[in-house]
Protein backbone atom coordinates (compact mmCIF):
# COMPACT_ATOMS: atom_id res chain seq x y z
CA UNK A 1 0.00 0.00 0.00
CA UNK A 2 1.48 3.37 -1.05
CA UNK A 3 0.90 5.93 1.67
CA UNK A 4 1.20 9.62 0.81
CA UNK A 5 3.96 11.77 2.24
CA UNK A 6 2.76 14.19 4.92
CA UNK A 7 4.89 17.22 5.78
CA UNK A 8 4.16 18.93 9.08
CA UNK A 9 3.46 22.63 9.44
CA UNK A 10 1.50 25.27 11.25
CA UNK A 11 -2.25 24.64 11.61
CA UNK A 12 -5.01 27.05 10.71
CA UNK A 13 -3.55 28.43 7.49
CA UNK A 14 -2.51 26.93 4.16
CA UNK A 15 -2.50 23.23 3.30
CA UNK A 16 -0.55 22.26 0.18
CA UNK A 17 -1.66 19.25 -1.87
CA UNK A 18 0.26 17.51 -4.66
CA UNK A 19 -1.84 14.82 -6.35
CA UNK A 20 0.68 14.03 -9.11
CA UNK A 21 3.96 14.35 -7.21
CA UNK A 22 5.35 10.90 -8.03
CA UNK A 23 6.04 8.66 -11.01
CA UNK A 24 6.38 5.52 -8.85
CA UNK A 25 4.75 2.24 -9.86
CA UNK A 26 4.01 0.00 -6.84
CA UNK A 27 5.33 -3.53 -6.72
CA UNK A 28 3.04 -6.03 -8.40
CA UNK A 29 1.78 -3.61 -11.06
CA UNK A 30 3.15 -3.87 -14.61
CA UNK A 31 1.97 -1.08 -16.91
CA UNK A 32 3.83 -2.72 -19.83
CA UNK A 33 5.18 0.59 -21.10
CA UNK A 34 8.57 2.07 -21.87
CA UNK A 35 9.80 3.28 -18.44
CA UNK A 36 10.77 6.60 -20.05
CA UNK A 37 7.06 7.45 -20.27
CA UNK A 38 6.95 7.70 -16.48
CA UNK A 39 9.20 10.77 -16.66
CA UNK A 40 6.86 12.56 -19.07
CA UNK A 41 3.93 14.74 -18.07
CA UNK A 42 1.63 11.74 -18.46
CA UNK A 43 3.44 9.94 -15.63
CA UNK A 44 4.09 12.79 -13.19
CA UNK A 45 3.44 16.52 -12.86
CA UNK A 46 7.00 17.59 -13.60
CA UNK A 47 8.52 19.85 -10.97
CA UNK A 48 5.57 19.79 -8.58
CA UNK A 49 7.11 17.68 -5.82
CA UNK A 50 10.13 19.97 -5.33
CA UNK A 51 7.92 23.04 -5.68
CA UNK A 52 5.46 21.77 -3.08
CA UNK A 53 8.29 20.91 -0.70
CA UNK A 54 9.92 24.32 -1.25
CA UNK A 55 6.63 26.11 -0.62
CA UNK A 56 5.98 24.04 2.50
CA UNK A 57 9.37 25.07 3.88
CA UNK A 58 8.97 28.73 2.91
CA UNK A 59 5.47 28.97 4.36
CA UNK A 60 5.88 26.65 7.33
CA UNK A 61 2.80 24.93 5.92
CA UNK A 62 1.69 21.30 6.03
CA UNK A 63 1.60 19.37 2.77
CA UNK A 64 0.35 16.06 1.43
CA UNK A 65 2.17 14.54 -1.55
CA UNK A 66 1.07 11.47 -3.49
CA UNK A 67 3.51 8.58 -3.96
CA UNK A 68 2.11 6.84 -7.02
CA UNK A 69 2.15 7.69 -10.73
CA UNK A 70 -0.97 9.04 -12.33
CA UNK A 71 -0.55 6.28 -14.94
CA UNK A 72 -1.26 3.72 -12.22
CA UNK A 73 -4.25 5.59 -10.83
CA UNK A 74 -5.13 9.25 -11.14
CA UNK A 75 -5.81 10.48 -7.64
CA UNK A 76 -7.25 13.72 -9.06
CA UNK A 77 -10.27 12.00 -10.60
CA UNK A 78 -13.54 10.74 -9.23
CA UNK A 79 -13.59 6.98 -8.56
CA UNK A 80 -16.05 6.44 -11.45
CA UNK A 81 -14.15 8.67 -13.91
CA UNK A 82 -13.16 6.79 -17.12
CA UNK A 83 -9.62 8.20 -16.85
CA UNK A 84 -9.07 7.01 -13.27
CA UNK A 85 -6.92 4.15 -14.59
CA UNK A 86 -5.92 5.36 -18.06
CA UNK A 87 -5.56 2.92 -20.94
CA UNK A 88 -4.33 5.73 -23.22
CA UNK A 89 -2.64 8.98 -22.16
CA UNK A 90 -1.71 11.73 -24.64
CA UNK A 91 -1.60 9.17 -27.43
CA UNK A 92 0.44 6.57 -25.51
CA UNK A 93 -1.17 3.18 -24.89
CA UNK A 94 -0.97 1.82 -21.35
CA UNK A 95 -1.63 -1.88 -22.04
CA UNK A 96 -1.11 -3.00 -18.44
CA UNK A 97 -4.19 -1.02 -17.44
CA UNK A 98 -6.61 -2.62 -19.88
CA UNK A 99 -7.55 -5.44 -17.54
CA UNK A 100 -6.49 -3.80 -14.27
CA UNK A 101 -8.44 -4.62 -11.11
CA UNK A 102 -10.08 -1.23 -10.60
CA UNK A 103 -11.43 -2.01 -7.16
CA UNK A 104 -8.06 -3.27 -5.93
CA UNK A 105 -6.26 -0.11 -7.04
CA UNK A 106 -8.91 2.09 -5.49
CA UNK A 107 -8.67 0.19 -2.20
CA UNK A 108 -4.85 0.04 -2.13
CA UNK A 109 -3.96 3.47 -3.54
CA UNK A 110 -6.86 5.87 -4.00
CA UNK A 111 -8.73 5.48 -0.73
CA UNK A 112 -5.63 5.74 1.53
CA UNK A 113 -4.57 8.96 -0.20
CA UNK A 114 -7.92 10.66 0.22
CA UNK A 115 -8.34 9.30 3.74
CA UNK A 116 -4.99 10.87 4.64
CA UNK A 117 -6.07 14.19 3.15
CA UNK A 118 -9.28 14.07 5.15
CA UNK A 119 -7.37 13.33 8.36
CA UNK A 120 -4.83 16.11 7.78
CA UNK A 121 -7.58 18.63 7.05
CA UNK A 122 -9.37 17.63 10.21
CA UNK A 123 -6.15 18.01 12.21
CA UNK A 124 -4.77 21.29 10.82
CA UNK A 125 -8.08 23.06 10.03
CA UNK A 126 -6.76 25.07 7.05
CA UNK A 127 -8.48 28.15 5.68
CA UNK A 128 -6.91 27.66 2.24
CA UNK A 129 -6.19 24.56 0.17
CA UNK A 130 -3.62 25.01 -2.60
CA UNK A 131 -3.22 22.11 -4.99
CA UNK A 132 0.06 22.22 -6.94
CA UNK A 133 0.11 20.91 -10.52
CA UNK A 134 2.05 21.44 -13.73
CA UNK A 135 1.11 21.23 -17.40
CA UNK A 136 2.99 20.53 -20.60
CA UNK A 137 3.45 23.43 -23.06
CA UNK A 138 1.96 21.31 -25.82
CA UNK A 139 0.29 17.91 -25.90
CA UNK A 140 1.91 15.26 -28.08
CA UNK A 141 -1.32 14.30 -29.79
CA UNK A 142 -1.76 15.61 -33.32
CA UNK A 143 -2.53 19.31 -33.60
CA UNK A 144 -2.23 19.90 -29.86
CA UNK A 145 -2.45 23.67 -29.38
CA UNK A 146 0.40 25.65 -27.87
CA UNK A 147 -0.39 26.60 -24.28
CA UNK A 148 1.01 30.10 -23.77
CA UNK A 149 0.20 30.59 -20.10
CA UNK A 150 3.00 30.61 -17.54
CA UNK A 151 0.54 29.67 -14.84
CA UNK A 152 -3.12 28.79 -14.62
CA UNK A 153 -5.52 29.07 -11.70
CA UNK A 154 -8.29 26.49 -11.66
CA UNK A 155 -11.48 26.62 -9.64
CA UNK A 156 -15.01 25.34 -9.66
CA UNK A 157 -17.94 27.30 -8.21
CA UNK A 158 -16.08 28.70 -5.20
CA UNK A 159 -14.10 31.62 -6.62
CA UNK A 160 -12.96 33.24 -3.38
CA UNK A 161 -9.32 32.20 -3.59
CA UNK A 162 -9.14 32.06 -7.39
CA UNK A 163 -10.16 35.67 -7.95
CA UNK A 164 -7.56 36.87 -5.45
CA UNK A 165 -4.86 34.67 -7.00
CA UNK A 166 -5.56 35.86 -10.53
CA UNK A 167 -5.32 39.52 -9.54
CA UNK A 168 -2.11 39.04 -7.56
CA UNK A 169 -0.43 37.02 -10.32
CA UNK A 170 -1.45 39.47 -13.04
CA UNK A 171 0.00 42.29 -10.96
CA UNK A 172 3.34 40.45 -11.23
CA UNK A 173 3.13 40.73 -15.03
CA UNK A 174 2.70 37.00 -15.53
CA UNK A 175 0.77 35.37 -18.38
CA UNK A 176 -2.06 33.86 -16.33
CA UNK A 177 -4.88 31.56 -17.39
CA UNK A 178 -8.25 31.56 -15.66
CA UNK A 179 -9.37 27.92 -15.71
CA UNK A 180 -6.61 27.18 -18.22
CA UNK A 181 -5.17 24.96 -19.66
CA UNK A 182 -8.40 23.20 -18.68
CA UNK A 183 -11.39 24.10 -16.57
CA UNK A 184 -11.69 23.42 -12.87
CA UNK A 185 -15.42 23.18 -13.47
CA UNK A 186 -14.71 19.91 -15.30
CA UNK A 187 -11.61 18.53 -13.55
CA UNK A 188 -11.43 19.56 -9.90
CA UNK A 189 -11.99 16.27 -8.12
CA UNK A 190 -9.63 16.62 -5.15
CA UNK A 191 -10.63 20.18 -4.32
CA UNK A 192 -14.32 19.50 -4.92
CA UNK A 193 -14.13 16.69 -2.38
CA UNK A 194 -11.91 18.23 0.25
CA UNK A 195 -12.44 21.96 -0.33
CA UNK A 196 -15.84 22.93 -1.71
CA UNK A 197 -17.62 20.07 0.05
CA UNK A 198 -16.30 21.41 3.38
CA UNK A 199 -16.64 25.11 2.61
CA UNK A 200 -12.85 25.62 2.52
CA UNK A 201 -11.57 28.11 -0.09
CA UNK A 202 -9.28 26.38 -2.56
CA UNK A 203 -7.33 26.78 -5.79
CA UNK A 204 -5.47 24.50 -8.13
CA UNK A 205 -2.23 26.10 -9.29
CA UNK A 206 -0.95 24.89 -12.68
CA UNK A 207 2.61 25.97 -13.56
CA UNK A 208 3.89 25.28 -17.08
CA UNK A 209 6.34 22.44 -16.59
CA UNK A 210 9.19 23.82 -18.72
CA UNK A 211 9.38 26.61 -16.12
CA UNK A 212 10.00 24.01 -13.38
CA UNK A 213 12.68 22.06 -15.22
CA UNK A 214 15.53 22.85 -12.81
CA UNK A 215 16.28 24.09 -9.31
CA UNK A 216 16.35 27.71 -10.44
CA UNK A 217 12.87 27.42 -11.91
CA UNK A 218 11.52 25.83 -8.74
CA UNK A 219 13.11 28.55 -6.62
CA UNK A 220 11.65 31.27 -8.86
CA UNK A 221 8.13 29.94 -8.54
CA UNK A 222 8.53 29.39 -4.81
CA UNK A 223 9.44 33.05 -4.48
CA UNK A 224 6.50 34.11 -6.65
CA UNK A 225 3.87 31.91 -5.06
CA UNK A 226 4.77 31.97 -1.36
CA UNK A 227 3.92 35.65 -0.74
CA UNK A 228 0.84 35.40 -2.94
CA UNK A 229 -0.47 32.43 -0.97
CA UNK A 230 0.20 34.31 2.28
CA UNK A 231 -1.72 37.32 0.95
CA UNK A 232 -4.65 35.13 -0.09
CA UNK A 233 -4.67 33.41 3.31
CA UNK A 234 -4.61 36.72 5.12
CA UNK A 235 -7.42 38.23 3.05
CA UNK A 236 -9.56 35.14 3.47
CA UNK A 237 -8.98 35.20 7.22
CA UNK A 238 -10.06 38.84 7.35
CA UNK A 239 -13.32 37.99 5.63
CA UNK A 240 -13.94 35.03 7.90
CA UNK A 241 -13.62 32.47 5.10
CA UNK A 242 -12.90 29.39 7.20
CA UNK A 243 -13.83 25.75 6.97
CA UNK A 244 -17.39 24.82 7.87
């Protein structure tokens, strides 16, 4: 059973979440793919684990990081989502998933991750959830459009944190996407479950992965995002936006 990594931090503020932090494949699972695919964006959100860890240190904030590749099971999907255990990802076949035991993977990998998130939220009582992701500049599938944004902010119906984040990022002169490169109204499973369902303000932060390709890129985005997350937390606290 692959348990998520939990980093300790101060309660009552920001909780960082990294659903796609790892490209690990647990023992006993054979995806029957070229191992190099695990290092691509289809196997892991490139740069997000070091960014999440850097932000946790800078903010003194708790964090939960997944320890299994999204090609094994996508923890940022609903259990009944057709892409939960992908058989094709960005044009690459994943033959080992065709006859995968869905219920076994949910029980071994999906449920423990979300149970840990629930327990951490209950313990630290955050007033902001920030989910850290990255996206590829261009999909490999034919005619994939160029994605020009440096960073995207995703949200569903609860826009409290997203509207603040967009303003603060735009003030930095960044190329920012609002529900880009895809919409949080369609793909927001983790934050829908652990944020909106509990009344906790939340955002998914999507950084373009070529900007997180090395230590300097991670440090740059840590320095950009840490004060912005603090500002969002402080403004939310002033308005009384806390978990229900």
